[in-house]
Amino acid sequence: MSKLRSLLFSAPAIILATIVMASISLICSLWDRAGITQHKVARLWGRMLLALGFVRCEVHGIEKLDSGASYVLVANHASYFDTPTILSSIPLQFRFFAKQGLFSVPFMGWHLRRAGHLPVVRDDPRASIRSMSEGARIIAEKGLSVLLFPEGGRSEVQMRPFKEGAAYIAIKAGVPAVPIGLVDTRKALPMHSCMVRPVTVKLYVGDPIPTTGMKLHDRGRLNELLQEQVAAMTGEHIIN
């Protein structure tokens, strides 16, 4: 019965927290156009969602990241709970690529746009290249990191093949690519469900992969290496 009460409580509480924190983020954007404060608000939102959903998170390998460095963070995507898990766990200022449709969602989309996050454009190759180039520019000029889910969407059972955008950005920006493995977020919030389950999720940070000396034509090799390492950390197979 206590588990049922937590499920019934968590969904409306998470919706309310998202509206409140997105509103605060919008207000902060009036004086902070760089998105620094908005990201701090987003990290707090991530922690709130885990707490409201009674979800615990174990983080492994965070010491591999240098707080003063920039990275391209590359993670598997199994659940909508991946984003709050990463936000609450990775102590870096980063921006992420999100599906273009999310930018039209009230509150969430407003926060994404005002905080400097970038839309993923799937159906327009030229727009996609512009978006990836913008991500590389943000890293180079602002000293930030970026986060991508290169599967192109959530995977329901096992990982899907990675697209090469993350590798492209890392090589173009000349920064390390970091594989991140998320485990059991699919159990916390399964696909086609709106109910958060009180489970323990795990986040693994792999060794940063230097891109110094790599050319854009090396992106396929880097992409394969990233997916292999994420698959090893999560224990998932790659399906085609």
C-alpha atoms as a PDB file:
ATOM      1  CA  MET A   1       0.000   0.000   0.000  1.00  0.00           C
ATOM      2  CA  SER A   2       2.853   2.422   0.805  1.00  0.00           C
ATOM      3  CA  LYS A   3       4.325   1.789  -2.658  1.00  0.00           C
ATOM      4  CA  LEU A   4       0.949   2.562  -4.246  1.00  0.00           C
ATOM      5  CA  ARG A   5       0.675   5.802  -2.267  1.00  0.00           C
ATOM      6  CA  SER A   6       4.147   6.863  -3.413  1.00  0.00           C
ATOM      7  CA  LEU A   7       3.199   6.198  -7.056  1.00  0.00           C
ATOM      8  CA  LEU A   8      -0.022   8.189  -6.768  1.00  0.00           C
ATOM      9  CA  PHE A   9       1.743  11.050  -4.996  1.00  0.00           C
ATOM     10  CA  SER A  10       4.802  11.301  -7.211  1.00  0.00           C
ATOM     11  CA  ALA A  11       3.165  12.029 -10.585  1.00  0.00           C
ATOM     12  CA  PRO A  12       1.265  15.234  -9.654  1.00  0.00           C
ATOM     13  CA  ALA A  13       4.118  16.381  -7.410  1.00  0.00           C
ATOM     14  CA  ILE A  14       6.610  15.989 -10.263  1.00  0.00           C
ATOM     15  CA  ILE A  15       4.355  17.941 -12.639  1.00  0.00           C
ATOM     16  CA  LEU A  16       3.972  20.733 -10.099  1.00  0.00           C
ATOM     17  CA  ALA A  17       7.719  20.816  -9.401  1.00  0.00           C
ATOM     18  CA  THR A  18       8.438  21.042 -13.132  1.00  0.00           C
ATOM     19  CA  ILE A  19       6.076  23.988 -13.570  1.00  0.00           C
ATOM     20  CA  VAL A  20       7.449  25.817 -10.525  1.00  0.00           C
ATOM     21  CA  MET A  21      11.128  25.278 -11.344  1.00  0.00           C
ATOM     22  CA  ALA A  22      10.660  26.126 -15.031  1.00  0.00           C
ATOM     23  CA  SER A  23       8.950  29.364 -13.980  1.00  0.00           C
ATOM     24  CA  ILE A  24      11.871  30.204 -11.689  1.00  0.00           C
ATOM     25  CA  SER A  25      14.266  29.435 -14.533  1.00  0.00           C
ATOM     26  CA  LEU A  26      12.387  31.818 -16.834  1.00  0.00           C
ATOM     27  CA  ILE A  27      12.568  34.577 -14.251  1.00  0.00           C
ATOM     28  CA  CYS A  28      16.320  34.000 -13.834  1.00  0.00           C
ATOM     29  CA  SER A  29      16.769  34.294 -17.594  1.00  0.00           C
ATOM     30  CA  LEU A  30      15.743  37.961 -17.394  1.00  0.00           C
ATOM     31  CA  TRP A  31      19.169  38.836 -15.976  1.00  0.00           C
ATOM     32  CA  ASP A  32      21.260  35.766 -16.862  1.00  0.00           C
ATOM     33  CA  ARG A  33      21.405  35.310 -20.626  1.00  0.00           C
ATOM     34  CA  ALA A  34      24.342  32.876 -20.322  1.00  0.00           C
ATOM     35  CA  GLY A  35      22.160  30.188 -18.765  1.00  0.00           C
ATOM     36  CA  ILE A  36      24.426  29.628 -15.752  1.00  0.00           C
ATOM     37  CA  THR A  37      21.698  30.246 -13.167  1.00  0.00           C
ATOM     38  CA  GLN A  38      19.115  28.361 -15.216  1.00  0.00           C
ATOM     39  CA  HIS A  39      21.368  25.309 -15.215  1.00  0.00           C
ATOM     40  CA  LYS A  40      21.663  25.472 -11.438  1.00  0.00           C
ATOM     41  CA  VAL A  41      17.882  25.618 -11.245  1.00  0.00           C
ATOM     42  CA  ALA A  42      17.677  22.629 -13.602  1.00  0.00           C
ATOM     43  CA  ARG A  43      20.072  20.647 -11.388  1.00  0.00           C
ATOM     44  CA  LEU A  44      17.862  21.396  -8.390  1.00  0.00           C
ATOM     45  CA  TRP A  45      14.824  20.315 -10.450  1.00  0.00           C
ATOM     46  CA  GLY A  46      16.563  17.033 -11.223  1.00  0.00           C
ATOM     47  CA  ARG A  47      17.225  16.375  -7.542  1.00  0.00           C
ATOM     48  CA  MET A  48      13.641  17.260  -6.706  1.00  0.00           C
ATOM     49  CA  LEU A  49      12.254  14.817  -9.263  1.00  0.00           C
ATOM     50  CA  LEU A  50      14.366  11.984  -7.914  1.00  0.00           C
ATOM     51  CA  ALA A  51      13.262  12.794  -4.365  1.00  0.00           C
ATOM     52  CA  LEU A  52       9.585  13.154  -5.271  1.00  0.00           C
ATOM     53  CA  GLY A  53       9.693   9.880  -7.190  1.00  0.00           C
ATOM     54  CA  PHE A  54      11.467   8.132  -4.291  1.00  0.00           C
ATOM     55  CA  VAL A  55      14.265   7.259  -6.711  1.00  0.00           C
ATOM     56  CA  ARG A  56      17.806   6.796  -5.397  1.00  0.00           C
ATOM     57  CA  CYS A  57      20.810   7.309  -7.642  1.00  0.00           C
ATOM     58  CA  GLU A  58      24.215   5.656  -7.301  1.00  0.00           C
ATOM     59  CA  VAL A  59      26.958   7.511  -9.162  1.00  0.00           C
ATOM     60  CA  HIS A  60      30.201   5.792 -10.164  1.00  0.00           C
ATOM     61  CA  GLY A  61      33.299   7.346 -11.761  1.00  0.00           C
ATOM     62  CA  ILE A  62      32.419  11.011 -11.282  1.00  0.00           C
ATOM     63  CA  GLU A  63      36.026  11.632 -10.208  1.00  0.00           C
ATOM     64  CA  LYS A  64      37.067  11.123 -13.850  1.00  0.00           C
ATOM     65  CA  LEU A  65      35.617  14.525 -14.758  1.00  0.00           C
ATOM     66  CA  ASP A  66      37.569  17.775 -14.305  1.00  0.00           C
ATOM     67  CA  SER A  67      35.218  20.564 -13.215  1.00  0.00           C
ATOM     68  CA  GLY A  68      37.299  23.068 -15.184  1.00  0.00           C
ATOM     69  CA  ALA A  69      37.251  21.149 -18.454  1.00  0.00           C
ATOM     70  CA  SER A  70      34.746  20.889 -21.311  1.00  0.00           C
ATOM     71  CA  TYR A  71      33.379  17.605 -22.630  1.00  0.00           C
ATOM     72  CA  VAL A  72      30.849  16.049 -24.949  1.00  0.00           C
ATOM     73  CA  LEU A  73      28.802  13.801 -22.667  1.00  0.00           C
ATOM     74  CA  VAL A  74      27.339  10.785 -24.473  1.00  0.00           C
ATOM     75  CA  ALA A  75      24.651   8.700 -22.749  1.00  0.00           C
ATOM     76  CA  ASN A  76      22.222   5.910 -23.555  1.00  0.00           C
ATOM     77  CA  HIS A  77      18.561   6.904 -23.522  1.00  0.00           C
ATOM     78  CA  ALA A  78      16.125   4.511 -21.871  1.00  0.00           C
ATOM     79  CA  SER A  79      13.639   6.798 -20.115  1.00  0.00           C
ATOM     80  CA  TYR A  80      12.429  10.352 -19.673  1.00  0.00           C
ATOM     81  CA  PHE A  81      14.024  10.020 -16.238  1.00  0.00           C
ATOM     82  CA  ASP A  82      17.505  10.000 -17.818  1.00  0.00           C
ATOM     83  CA  THR A  83      17.664  13.794 -17.978  1.00  0.00           C
ATOM     84  CA  PRO A  84      16.899  14.521 -14.289  1.00  0.00           C
ATOM     85  CA  THR A  85      19.260  11.693 -13.305  1.00  0.00           C
ATOM     86  CA  ILE A  86      22.147  13.216 -15.265  1.00  0.00           C
ATOM     87  CA  LEU A  87      21.341  16.777 -14.213  1.00  0.00           C
ATOM     88  CA  SER A  88      21.344  15.835 -10.542  1.00  0.00           C
ATOM     89  CA  SER A  89      24.558  13.801 -10.802  1.00  0.00           C
ATOM     90  CA  ILE A  90      26.991  15.537 -13.182  1.00  0.00           C
ATOM     91  CA  PRO A  91      28.556  18.656 -11.549  1.00  0.00           C
ATOM     92  CA  LEU A  92      29.341  20.440 -14.810  1.00  0.00           C
ATOM     93  CA  GLN A  93      27.810  23.380 -16.612  1.00  0.00           C
ATOM     94  CA  PHE A  94      26.444  21.730 -19.733  1.00  0.00           C
ATOM     95  CA  ARG A  95      23.792  22.301 -22.362  1.00  0.00           C
ATOM     96  CA  PHE A  96      21.970  19.479 -24.065  1.00  0.00           C
ATOM     97  CA  PHE A  97      20.391  18.618 -27.347  1.00  0.00           C
ATOM     98  CA  ALA A  98      16.686  17.833 -27.023  1.00  0.00           C
ATOM     99  CA  LYS A  99      14.028  16.742 -29.505  1.00  0.00           C
ATOM    100  CA  GLN A 100      12.700  19.742 -31.371  1.00  0.00           C
ATOM    101  CA  GLY A 101       9.153  18.963 -30.236  1.00  0.00           C
ATOM    102  CA  LEU A 102      10.067  19.507 -26.580  1.00  0.00           C
ATOM    103  CA  PHE A 103      10.746  23.161 -27.312  1.00  0.00           C
ATOM    104  CA  SER A 104       7.017  23.588 -27.977  1.00  0.00           C
ATOM    105  CA  VAL A 105       5.970  22.163 -24.590  1.00  0.00           C
ATOM    106  CA  PRO A 106       4.795  24.917 -22.197  1.00  0.00           C
ATOM    107  CA  PHE A 107       7.206  25.652 -19.332  1.00  0.00           C
ATOM    108  CA  MET A 108       9.705  22.943 -20.322  1.00  0.00           C
ATOM    109  CA  GLY A 109      10.178  24.302 -23.830  1.00  0.00           C
ATOM    110  CA  TRP A 110      10.395  27.862 -22.563  1.00  0.00           C
ATOM    111  CA  HIS A 111      13.142  26.835 -20.145  1.00  0.00           C
ATOM    112  CA  LEU A 112      15.041  24.899 -22.816  1.00  0.00           C
ATOM    113  CA  ARG A 113      15.094  27.837 -25.196  1.00  0.00           C
ATOM    114  CA  ARG A 114      15.924  30.520 -22.631  1.00  0.00           C
ATOM    115  CA  ALA A 115      18.649  28.404 -20.985  1.00  0.00           C
ATOM    116  CA  GLY A 116      20.522  27.939 -24.256  1.00  0.00           C
ATOM    117  CA  HIS A 117      19.820  24.285 -24.985  1.00  0.00           C
ATOM    118  CA  LEU A 118      19.733  23.163 -28.604  1.00  0.00           C
ATOM    119  CA  PRO A 119      17.060  21.393 -30.669  1.00  0.00           C
ATOM    120  CA  VAL A 120      17.805  18.176 -32.509  1.00  0.00           C
ATOM    121  CA  VAL A 121      16.666  18.535 -36.128  1.00  0.00           C
ATOM    122  CA  ARG A 122      16.244  15.040 -37.581  1.00  0.00           C
ATOM    123  CA  ASP A 123      14.526  15.575 -40.920  1.00  0.00           C
ATOM    124  CA  ASP A 124      16.726  18.368 -42.270  1.00  0.00           C
ATOM    125  CA  PRO A 125      20.413  17.405 -42.776  1.00  0.00           C
ATOM    126  CA  ARG A 126      21.521  21.009 -43.244  1.00  0.00           C
ATOM    127  CA  ALA A 127      19.742  22.163 -40.097  1.00  0.00           C
ATOM    128  CA  SER A 128      21.236  19.201 -38.234  1.00  0.00           C
ATOM    129  CA  ILE A 129      24.770  20.174 -39.257  1.00  0.00           C
ATOM    130  CA  ARG A 130      24.107  23.780 -38.235  1.00  0.00           C
ATOM    131  CA  SER A 131      22.877  22.582 -34.845  1.00  0.00           C
ATOM    132  CA  MET A 132      25.937  20.370 -34.304  1.00  0.00           C
ATOM    133  CA  SER A 133      28.249  23.193 -35.366  1.00  0.00           C
ATOM    134  CA  GLU A 134      26.488  25.466 -32.879  1.00  0.00           C
ATOM    135  CA  GLY A 135      27.143  22.903 -30.153  1.00  0.00           C
ATOM    136  CA  ALA A 136      30.845  22.863 -31.040  1.00  0.00           C
ATOM    137  CA  ARG A 137      30.891  26.676 -31.003  1.00  0.00           C
ATOM    138  CA  ILE A 138      29.316  26.787 -27.534  1.00  0.00           C
ATOM    139  CA  ILE A 139      32.015  24.466 -26.224  1.00  0.00           C
ATOM    140  CA  ALA A 140      34.851  26.430 -27.831  1.00  0.00           C
ATOM    141  CA  GLU A 141      33.654  29.950 -27.030  1.00  0.00           C
ATOM    142  CA  LYS A 142      31.911  29.506 -23.687  1.00  0.00           C
ATOM    143  CA  GLY A 143      33.920  26.700 -22.150  1.00  0.00           C
ATOM    144  CA  LEU A 144      30.804  24.614 -21.503  1.00  0.00           C
ATOM    145  CA  SER A 145      30.036  20.942 -22.035  1.00  0.00           C
ATOM    146  CA  VAL A 146      27.177  19.450 -24.036  1.00  0.00           C
ATOM    147  CA  LEU A 147      25.092  16.329 -23.482  1.00  0.00           C
ATOM    148  CA  LEU A 148      23.681  14.132 -26.237  1.00  0.00           C
ATOM    149  CA  PHE A 149      21.596  10.959 -26.383  1.00  0.00           C
ATOM    150  CA  PRO A 150      22.895   9.667 -29.740  1.00  0.00           C
ATOM    151  CA  GLU A 151      20.364   6.843 -30.087  1.00  0.00           C
ATOM    152  CA  GLY A 152      17.973   9.496 -31.408  1.00  0.00           C
ATOM    153  CA  GLY A 153      15.232   8.597 -28.929  1.00  0.00           C
ATOM    154  CA  ARG A 154      14.411   6.297 -26.036  1.00  0.00           C
ATOM    155  CA  SER A 155      15.112   2.601 -26.425  1.00  0.00           C
ATOM    156  CA  GLU A 156      12.428   0.289 -25.089  1.00  0.00           C
ATOM    157  CA  VAL A 157      14.465  -2.872 -24.425  1.00  0.00           C
ATOM    158  CA  GLN A 158      18.092  -2.614 -25.608  1.00  0.00           C
ATOM    159  CA  MET A 159      20.281   0.159 -26.986  1.00  0.00           C
ATOM    160  CA  ARG A 160      19.839   1.320 -30.542  1.00  0.00           C
ATOM    161  CA  PRO A 161      22.837   2.218 -32.750  1.00  0.00           C
ATOM    162  CA  PHE A 162      24.390   5.588 -31.980  1.00  0.00           C
ATOM    163  CA  LYS A 163      24.200   8.347 -34.551  1.00  0.00           C
ATOM    164  CA  GLU A 164      27.500  10.147 -35.232  1.00  0.00           C
ATOM    165  CA  GLY A 165      26.496  13.645 -34.110  1.00  0.00           C
ATOM    166  CA  ALA A 166      28.156  13.450 -30.685  1.00  0.00           C
ATOM    167  CA  ALA A 167      31.418  12.219 -32.185  1.00  0.00           C
ATOM    168  CA  TYR A 168      31.238  14.978 -34.828  1.00  0.00           C
ATOM    169  CA  ILE A 169      30.839  17.671 -32.158  1.00  0.00           C
ATOM    170  CA  ALA A 170      33.621  16.311 -29.932  1.00  0.00           C
ATOM    171  CA  ILE A 171      36.104  16.192 -32.816  1.00  0.00           C
ATOM    172  CA  LYS A 172      35.086  19.583 -34.203  1.00  0.00           C
ATOM    173  CA  ALA A 173      35.376  21.205 -30.747  1.00  0.00           C
ATOM    174  CA  GLY A 174      38.580  19.322 -29.922  1.00  0.00           C
ATOM    175  CA  VAL A 175      37.365  18.138 -26.516  1.00  0.00           C
ATOM    176  CA  PRO A 176      37.134  14.668 -24.934  1.00  0.00           C
ATOM    177  CA  ALA A 177      34.014  12.580 -25.418  1.00  0.00           C
ATOM    178  CA  VAL A 178      32.747  10.940 -22.229  1.00  0.00           C
ATOM    179  CA  PRO A 179      30.635   7.766 -22.320  1.00  0.00           C
ATOM    180  CA  ILE A 180      27.904   7.672 -19.672  1.00  0.00           C
ATOM    181  CA  GLY A 181      25.935   4.553 -18.830  1.00  0.00           C
ATOM    182  CA  LEU A 182      22.485   4.783 -17.243  1.00  0.00           C
ATOM    183  CA  VAL A 183      21.119   1.653 -15.603  1.00  0.00           C
ATOM    184  CA  ASP A 184      17.533   1.005 -14.444  1.00  0.00           C
ATOM    185  CA  THR A 185      16.123   4.421 -15.376  1.00  0.00           C
ATOM    186  CA  ARG A 186      13.778   2.397 -17.595  1.00  0.00           C
ATOM    187  CA  LYS A 187      12.470   0.769 -14.401  1.00  0.00           C
ATOM    188  CA  ALA A 188      12.026   4.162 -12.735  1.00  0.00           C
ATOM    189  CA  LEU A 189       9.872   5.506 -15.567  1.00  0.00           C
ATOM    190  CA  PRO A 190       9.034   2.899 -18.235  1.00  0.00           C
ATOM    191  CA  MET A 191       8.137   3.930 -21.758  1.00  0.00           C
ATOM    192  CA  HIS A 192       4.397   4.590 -22.237  1.00  0.00           C
ATOM    193  CA  SER A 193       3.994   5.121 -18.465  1.00  0.00           C
ATOM    194  CA  CYS A 194       3.427   8.292 -16.446  1.00  0.00           C
ATOM    195  CA  MET A 195       4.079   6.682 -13.058  1.00  0.00           C
ATOM    196  CA  VAL A 196       7.532   6.891 -11.486  1.00  0.00           C
ATOM    197  CA  ARG A 197       8.624   3.751  -9.653  1.00  0.00           C
ATOM    198  CA  PRO A 198      10.660   4.015  -6.411  1.00  0.00           C
ATOM    199  CA  VAL A 199      13.833   2.185  -7.493  1.00  0.00           C
ATOM    200  CA  THR A 200      17.591   2.684  -7.363  1.00  0.00           C
ATOM    201  CA  VAL A 201      19.159   3.845 -10.621  1.00  0.00           C
ATOM    202  CA  LYS A 202      22.858   3.886 -11.448  1.00  0.00           C
ATOM    203  CA  LEU A 203      24.971   6.322 -13.438  1.00  0.00           C
ATOM    204  CA  TYR A 204      28.421   5.261 -14.635  1.00  0.00           C
ATOM    205  CA  VAL A 205      30.987   7.734 -15.983  1.00  0.00           C
ATOM    206  CA  GLY A 206      33.503   6.157 -18.353  1.00  0.00           C
ATOM    207  CA  ASP A 207      37.021   7.326 -19.117  1.00  0.00           C
ATOM    208  CA  PRO A 208      37.087  10.505 -21.235  1.00  0.00           C
ATOM    209  CA  ILE A 209      38.234   9.725 -24.782  1.00  0.00           C
ATOM    210  CA  PRO A 210      40.643  12.394 -26.124  1.00  0.00           C
ATOM    211  CA  THR A 211      39.944  13.691 -29.625  1.00  0.00           C
ATOM    212  CA  THR A 212      43.241  15.528 -30.094  1.00  0.00           C
ATOM    213  CA  GLY A 213      44.570  14.779 -33.565  1.00  0.00           C
ATOM    214  CA  MET A 214      41.276  13.303 -34.783  1.00  0.00           C
ATOM    215  CA  LYS A 215      39.695  14.507 -38.020  1.00  0.00           C
ATOM    216  CA  LEU A 216      36.002  14.559 -38.862  1.00  0.00           C
ATOM    217  CA  HIS A 217      36.427  11.422 -40.943  1.00  0.00           C
ATOM    218  CA  ASP A 218      37.387   9.637 -37.683  1.00  0.00           C
ATOM    219  CA  ARG A 219      33.925  10.208 -36.229  1.00  0.00           C
ATOM    220  CA  GLY A 220      32.702   6.736 -37.186  1.00  0.00           C
ATOM    221  CA  ARG A 221      35.492   5.071 -35.228  1.00  0.00           C
ATOM    222  CA  LEU A 222      34.935   7.346 -32.229  1.00  0.00           C
ATOM    223  CA  ASN A 223      31.197   6.723 -32.380  1.00  0.00           C
ATOM    224  CA  GLU A 224      31.725   2.954 -32.300  1.00  0.00           C
ATOM    225  CA  LEU A 225      34.105   3.247 -29.343  1.00  0.00           C
ATOM    226  CA  LEU A 226      31.609   5.370 -27.409  1.00  0.00           C
ATOM    227  CA  GLN A 227      28.773   2.916 -27.990  1.00  0.00           C
ATOM    228  CA  GLU A 228      30.924  -0.062 -27.063  1.00  0.00           C
ATOM    229  CA  GLN A 229      31.872   1.557 -23.762  1.00  0.00           C
ATOM    230  CA  VAL A 230      28.310   2.611 -22.937  1.00  0.00           C
ATOM    231  CA  ALA A 231      27.094  -0.905 -23.750  1.00  0.00           C
ATOM    232  CA  ALA A 232      29.760  -2.391 -21.467  1.00  0.00           C
ATOM    233  CA  MET A 233      28.720  -0.123 -18.580  1.00  0.00           C
ATOM    234  CA  THR A 234      24.996  -0.789 -18.957  1.00  0.00           C
ATOM    235  CA  GLY A 235      25.181  -4.459 -19.880  1.00  0.00           C
ATOM    236  CA  GLU A 236      22.853  -3.837 -22.833  1.00  0.00           C
ATOM    237  CA  HIS A 237      23.145  -5.229 -26.336  1.00  0.00           C
ATOM    238  CA  ILE A 238      23.040  -3.051 -29.443  1.00  0.00           C
ATOM    239  CA  ILE A 239      20.064  -3.763 -31.682  1.00  0.00           C
ATOM    240  CA  ASN A 240      19.651  -2.655 -35.301  1.00  0.00           C
END
